[in-house]
Amino acid sequence: MADLIKTLTQTRGENFFLKKRHEQAVDVEGAVQIFLEFLNGYNNLKAPKPCVTVFGSARFSEGHPYYEMARAVGRALAEAGYAVMTGGGPGIMEAANRGAKEAGGCSIGCNIELPHEQKPNPYLDEFIQFDYFFVRKVMLVKYSCAFVVLPGGFGTLDELFETCTLMQTGKIESFPIVIMGKDFWKNMNEFIKQSLIAHGTISTEDLSLFSLTDSVTEAIDIITQQCAN
């Protein structure tokens, strides 16, 4: 079944589907392919409970302070009894998976095919390949009880703010988001306070949707307390 799903979902990808409006039959076929990719994820992703997803840039290498922070987070999560899930690629993702693997924990990747920089890292116990970003994001939320967000680019911001939106609108509940790398995120934090809150586009209470820290210990404590509820 998995081979059949893979064959069917490889006929056309996200670029084709989102490029323009196609004939109805073609768009219906695309919708079927998206369903099959969801089905492939549900059928093959064996993420144990509890599981924490770590997000961050693919562009940090070993020895960089943020790489080492992610590695320490992955290790600490595994030691606390959590499986560690990432986007499966290099950089922060590799570091978190590596830390989990070094601590003897479960290390999982939800990889996506990109023109550059995204290949499965060597520290995965299991990984599943996706073609559609939005399907992948659903899997990362669905199978996790918390997110740890380290420095990253547009993709990391997308994952962070979509999850905040899901919480703000009540689509998911009791989902801790821990943002790490205070110096990196300080301008974003000020923008949220001085623009979004100041202009009333979000409320002050929405600041409680995430926690900001540089402490691995504090991050684990936040996740442990909230995931237990």
Protein backbone atom coordinates (compact mmCIF):
# COMPACT_ATOMS: atom_id res chain seq x y z
CA MET A 1 0.00 0.00 0.00
CA ALA A 2 2.80 2.40 0.91
CA ASP A 3 4.42 1.86 -2.52
CA LEU A 4 1.12 2.54 -4.29
CA ILE A 5 0.59 5.76 -2.34
CA LYS A 6 4.15 6.87 -3.10
CA THR A 7 3.68 6.23 -6.82
CA LEU A 8 0.41 8.14 -6.97
CA THR A 9 1.65 11.13 -4.97
CA GLN A 10 4.74 11.52 -7.13
CA THR A 11 2.80 12.25 -10.32
CA ARG A 12 2.36 15.96 -9.53
CA GLY A 13 3.64 18.03 -6.64
CA GLU A 14 2.87 21.17 -4.68
CA ASN A 15 4.40 23.49 -7.28
CA PHE A 16 2.01 22.25 -9.96
CA PHE A 17 -1.00 22.24 -7.64
CA LEU A 18 -0.50 25.82 -6.40
CA LYS A 19 0.78 27.32 -9.68
CA LYS A 20 -2.65 28.26 -11.01
CA ARG A 21 -6.24 27.17 -11.29
CA HIS A 22 -6.42 24.06 -13.44
CA GLU A 23 -9.32 22.29 -15.05
CA GLN A 24 -11.67 20.86 -12.46
CA ALA A 25 -10.66 17.26 -13.13
CA VAL A 26 -6.98 18.14 -12.69
CA ASP A 27 -7.62 19.97 -9.41
CA VAL A 28 -9.69 17.05 -8.14
CA GLU A 29 -6.82 14.75 -9.01
CA GLY A 30 -4.51 17.04 -7.05
CA ALA A 31 -6.87 16.88 -4.06
CA VAL A 32 -6.76 13.08 -4.24
CA GLN A 33 -2.95 13.19 -4.25
CA ILE A 34 -3.01 15.42 -1.16
CA PHE A 35 -5.35 12.97 0.57
CA LEU A 36 -3.00 10.13 -0.34
CA GLU A 37 -0.06 12.03 1.15
CA PHE A 38 -2.03 12.44 4.39
CA LEU A 39 -2.84 8.74 4.27
CA ASN A 40 0.82 7.91 3.72
CA GLY A 41 1.72 9.96 6.79
CA TYR A 42 -0.92 8.36 8.99
CA ASN A 43 0.05 4.92 7.74
CA ASN A 44 3.80 5.23 8.18
CA LEU A 45 4.51 7.78 10.91
CA LYS A 46 4.98 5.74 14.06
CA ALA A 47 5.67 8.62 16.44
CA PRO A 48 5.44 7.43 20.05
CA LYS A 49 3.86 9.46 22.83
CA PRO A 50 4.92 11.88 24.14
CA CYS A 51 6.68 13.58 21.24
CA VAL A 52 8.12 17.11 20.95
CA THR A 53 8.89 18.81 17.65
CA VAL A 54 11.96 21.05 17.33
CA PHE A 55 12.01 23.70 14.60
CA GLY A 56 14.86 25.84 13.32
CA SER A 57 17.08 26.77 10.42
CA ALA A 58 18.72 24.23 8.14
CA ARG A 59 21.70 26.60 7.74
CA PHE A 60 23.54 26.34 11.06
CA SER A 61 26.48 23.92 11.20
CA GLU A 62 28.05 21.92 14.01
CA GLY A 63 29.86 24.22 16.43
CA HIS A 64 27.49 27.15 15.93
CA PRO A 65 25.93 28.21 19.27
CA TYR A 66 22.39 27.60 17.99
CA TYR A 67 23.33 24.17 16.62
CA GLU A 68 24.75 23.23 20.01
CA MET A 69 21.69 24.65 21.79
CA ALA A 70 19.44 22.46 19.65
CA ARG A 71 21.65 19.45 20.30
CA ALA A 72 21.39 20.07 24.05
CA VAL A 73 17.62 20.45 23.78
CA GLY A 74 17.29 17.19 21.86
CA ARG A 75 19.40 15.40 24.44
CA ALA A 76 17.43 16.86 27.36
CA LEU A 77 14.09 16.00 25.78
CA ALA A 78 15.18 12.40 25.26
CA GLU A 79 16.44 12.18 28.82
CA ALA A 80 13.06 13.48 30.01
CA GLY A 81 11.31 10.69 28.13
CA TYR A 82 10.19 12.51 24.99
CA ALA A 83 10.61 11.42 21.40
CA VAL A 84 12.13 14.20 19.30
CA MET A 85 10.65 15.06 15.92
CA THR A 86 12.05 17.57 13.42
CA GLY A 87 11.72 18.45 9.77
CA GLY A 88 14.40 15.82 9.23
CA GLY A 89 16.95 18.02 7.48
CA PRO A 90 20.32 19.56 8.40
CA GLY A 91 21.18 22.43 10.77
CA ILE A 92 18.96 22.84 13.84
CA MET A 93 16.94 19.79 12.80
CA GLU A 94 20.03 17.61 12.60
CA ALA A 95 21.29 18.93 15.93
CA ALA A 96 18.06 18.14 17.79
CA ASN A 97 17.85 14.66 16.26
CA ARG A 98 21.52 14.12 17.06
CA GLY A 99 21.09 15.10 20.70
CA ALA A 100 18.13 12.74 21.06
CA LYS A 101 20.05 9.92 19.41
CA GLU A 102 23.10 10.48 21.64
CA ALA A 103 20.87 10.22 24.71
CA GLY A 104 19.35 6.95 23.52
CA GLY A 105 15.98 8.53 22.70
CA CYS A 106 13.67 8.20 19.71
CA SER A 107 14.58 10.50 16.80
CA ILE A 108 12.06 11.13 14.00
CA GLY A 109 12.09 13.26 10.86
CA CYS A 110 9.32 14.58 8.61
CA ASN A 111 11.37 15.52 5.60
CA ILE A 112 10.32 17.45 2.52
CA GLU A 113 11.85 17.50 -0.94
CA LEU A 114 13.37 20.90 -1.80
CA PRO A 115 15.69 22.09 -4.58
CA HIS A 116 18.50 22.60 -2.05
CA GLU A 117 19.57 22.11 1.58
CA GLN A 118 16.96 19.52 2.56
CA LYS A 119 18.21 15.96 2.81
CA PRO A 120 17.44 13.55 5.66
CA ASN A 121 20.06 13.88 8.38
CA PRO A 122 21.94 10.77 9.60
CA TYR A 123 20.50 10.80 13.14
CA LEU A 124 16.98 9.57 12.40
CA ASP A 125 15.50 6.34 13.69
CA GLU A 126 12.71 6.81 11.18
CA PHE A 127 11.65 9.43 8.69
CA ILE A 128 8.87 10.02 6.24
CA GLN A 129 9.12 12.06 3.05
CA PHE A 130 6.52 14.68 2.09
CA ASP A 131 5.87 16.71 -1.05
CA TYR A 132 3.41 19.21 0.43
CA PHE A 133 4.46 21.69 3.11
CA PHE A 134 0.98 21.98 4.58
CA VAL A 135 0.58 18.21 4.92
CA ARG A 136 3.92 18.02 6.68
CA LYS A 137 2.92 20.80 9.09
CA VAL A 138 -0.28 18.98 10.01
CA MET A 139 1.75 15.89 10.87
CA LEU A 140 4.22 17.85 12.98
CA VAL A 141 1.38 19.37 15.01
CA LYS A 142 -0.82 16.28 15.18
CA TYR A 143 1.87 13.97 16.55
CA SER A 144 3.48 16.45 18.99
CA CYS A 145 2.54 17.66 22.45
CA ALA A 146 4.87 20.70 22.31
CA PHE A 147 7.11 22.76 20.01
CA VAL A 148 10.60 24.08 20.64
CA VAL A 149 11.41 26.88 18.19
CA LEU A 150 15.03 27.86 17.65
CA PRO A 151 16.40 30.54 15.28
CA GLY A 152 15.30 30.06 11.70
CA GLY A 153 13.95 31.68 8.56
CA PHE A 154 10.61 31.96 6.80
CA GLY A 155 9.77 28.29 7.31
CA THR A 156 10.38 28.48 11.04
CA LEU A 157 8.31 31.66 11.32
CA ASP A 158 5.52 30.02 9.33
CA GLU A 159 5.46 27.03 11.66
CA LEU A 160 5.61 29.22 14.76
CA PHE A 161 2.84 31.65 13.81
CA GLU A 162 0.54 29.03 12.34
CA THR A 163 0.69 27.13 15.61
CA CYS A 164 0.05 30.35 17.56
CA THR A 165 -2.96 30.97 15.30
CA LEU A 166 -4.31 27.48 15.94
CA MET A 167 -4.03 28.08 19.68
CA GLN A 168 -5.44 31.61 19.54
CA THR A 169 -8.49 30.39 17.62
CA GLY A 170 -9.04 27.34 19.81
CA LYS A 171 -8.22 24.77 17.15
CA ILE A 172 -5.65 23.17 19.45
CA GLU A 173 -5.40 23.37 23.23
CA SER A 174 -2.69 23.06 25.88
CA PHE A 175 0.15 23.20 23.39
CA PRO A 176 3.35 24.68 24.84
CA ILE A 177 5.56 26.64 22.45
CA VAL A 178 9.05 27.36 23.77
CA ILE A 179 11.10 29.84 21.75
CA MET A 180 14.85 29.63 22.35
CA GLY A 181 17.57 32.10 21.40
CA LYS A 182 16.43 35.29 23.13
CA ASP A 183 18.92 37.56 21.37
CA PHE A 184 17.82 36.29 17.94
CA TRP A 185 14.12 36.72 18.67
CA LYS A 186 14.20 39.99 20.65
CA ASN A 187 13.27 42.20 17.66
CA MET A 188 10.35 39.95 16.80
CA ASN A 189 9.19 40.05 20.41
CA GLU A 190 9.36 43.85 20.41
CA PHE A 191 7.47 43.98 17.11
CA ILE A 192 4.69 41.88 18.62
CA LYS A 193 4.46 44.18 21.62
CA GLN A 194 4.97 47.56 19.93
CA SER A 195 3.00 46.91 16.74
CA LEU A 196 0.55 44.02 17.03
CA ILE A 197 -0.51 44.64 20.63
CA ALA A 198 -0.18 48.44 20.37
CA HIS A 199 -2.52 48.52 17.36
CA GLY A 200 -4.91 45.98 18.84
CA THR A 201 -4.47 43.28 16.18
CA ILE A 202 -3.77 40.79 18.98
CA SER A 203 -4.42 41.02 22.70
CA THR A 204 -1.92 41.19 25.54
CA GLU A 205 -3.10 37.73 26.64
CA ASP A 206 -1.79 36.31 23.36
CA LEU A 207 1.76 36.76 24.66
CA SER A 208 1.06 33.76 26.87
CA LEU A 209 0.86 31.55 23.77
CA PHE A 210 4.64 31.12 23.87
CA SER A 211 7.55 31.24 26.30
CA LEU A 212 10.95 32.78 25.52
CA THR A 213 14.10 31.39 27.14
CA ASP A 214 17.75 30.47 26.65
CA SER A 215 17.67 27.82 29.37
CA VAL A 216 17.38 24.18 28.33
CA THR A 217 16.30 23.29 31.86
CA GLU A 218 13.55 25.91 31.81
CA ALA A 219 12.38 24.72 28.40
CA ILE A 220 12.06 21.14 29.61
CA ASP A 221 10.26 22.27 32.78
CA ILE A 222 7.71 24.27 30.75
CA ILE A 223 7.05 21.33 28.43
CA THR A 224 6.84 18.80 31.25
CA GLN A 225 4.39 20.91 33.26
CA GLN A 226 2.10 21.76 30.36
CA CYS A 227 2.19 18.37 28.62
CA ALA A 228 1.20 16.72 31.89
CA ASN A 229 -2.07 18.70 31.98
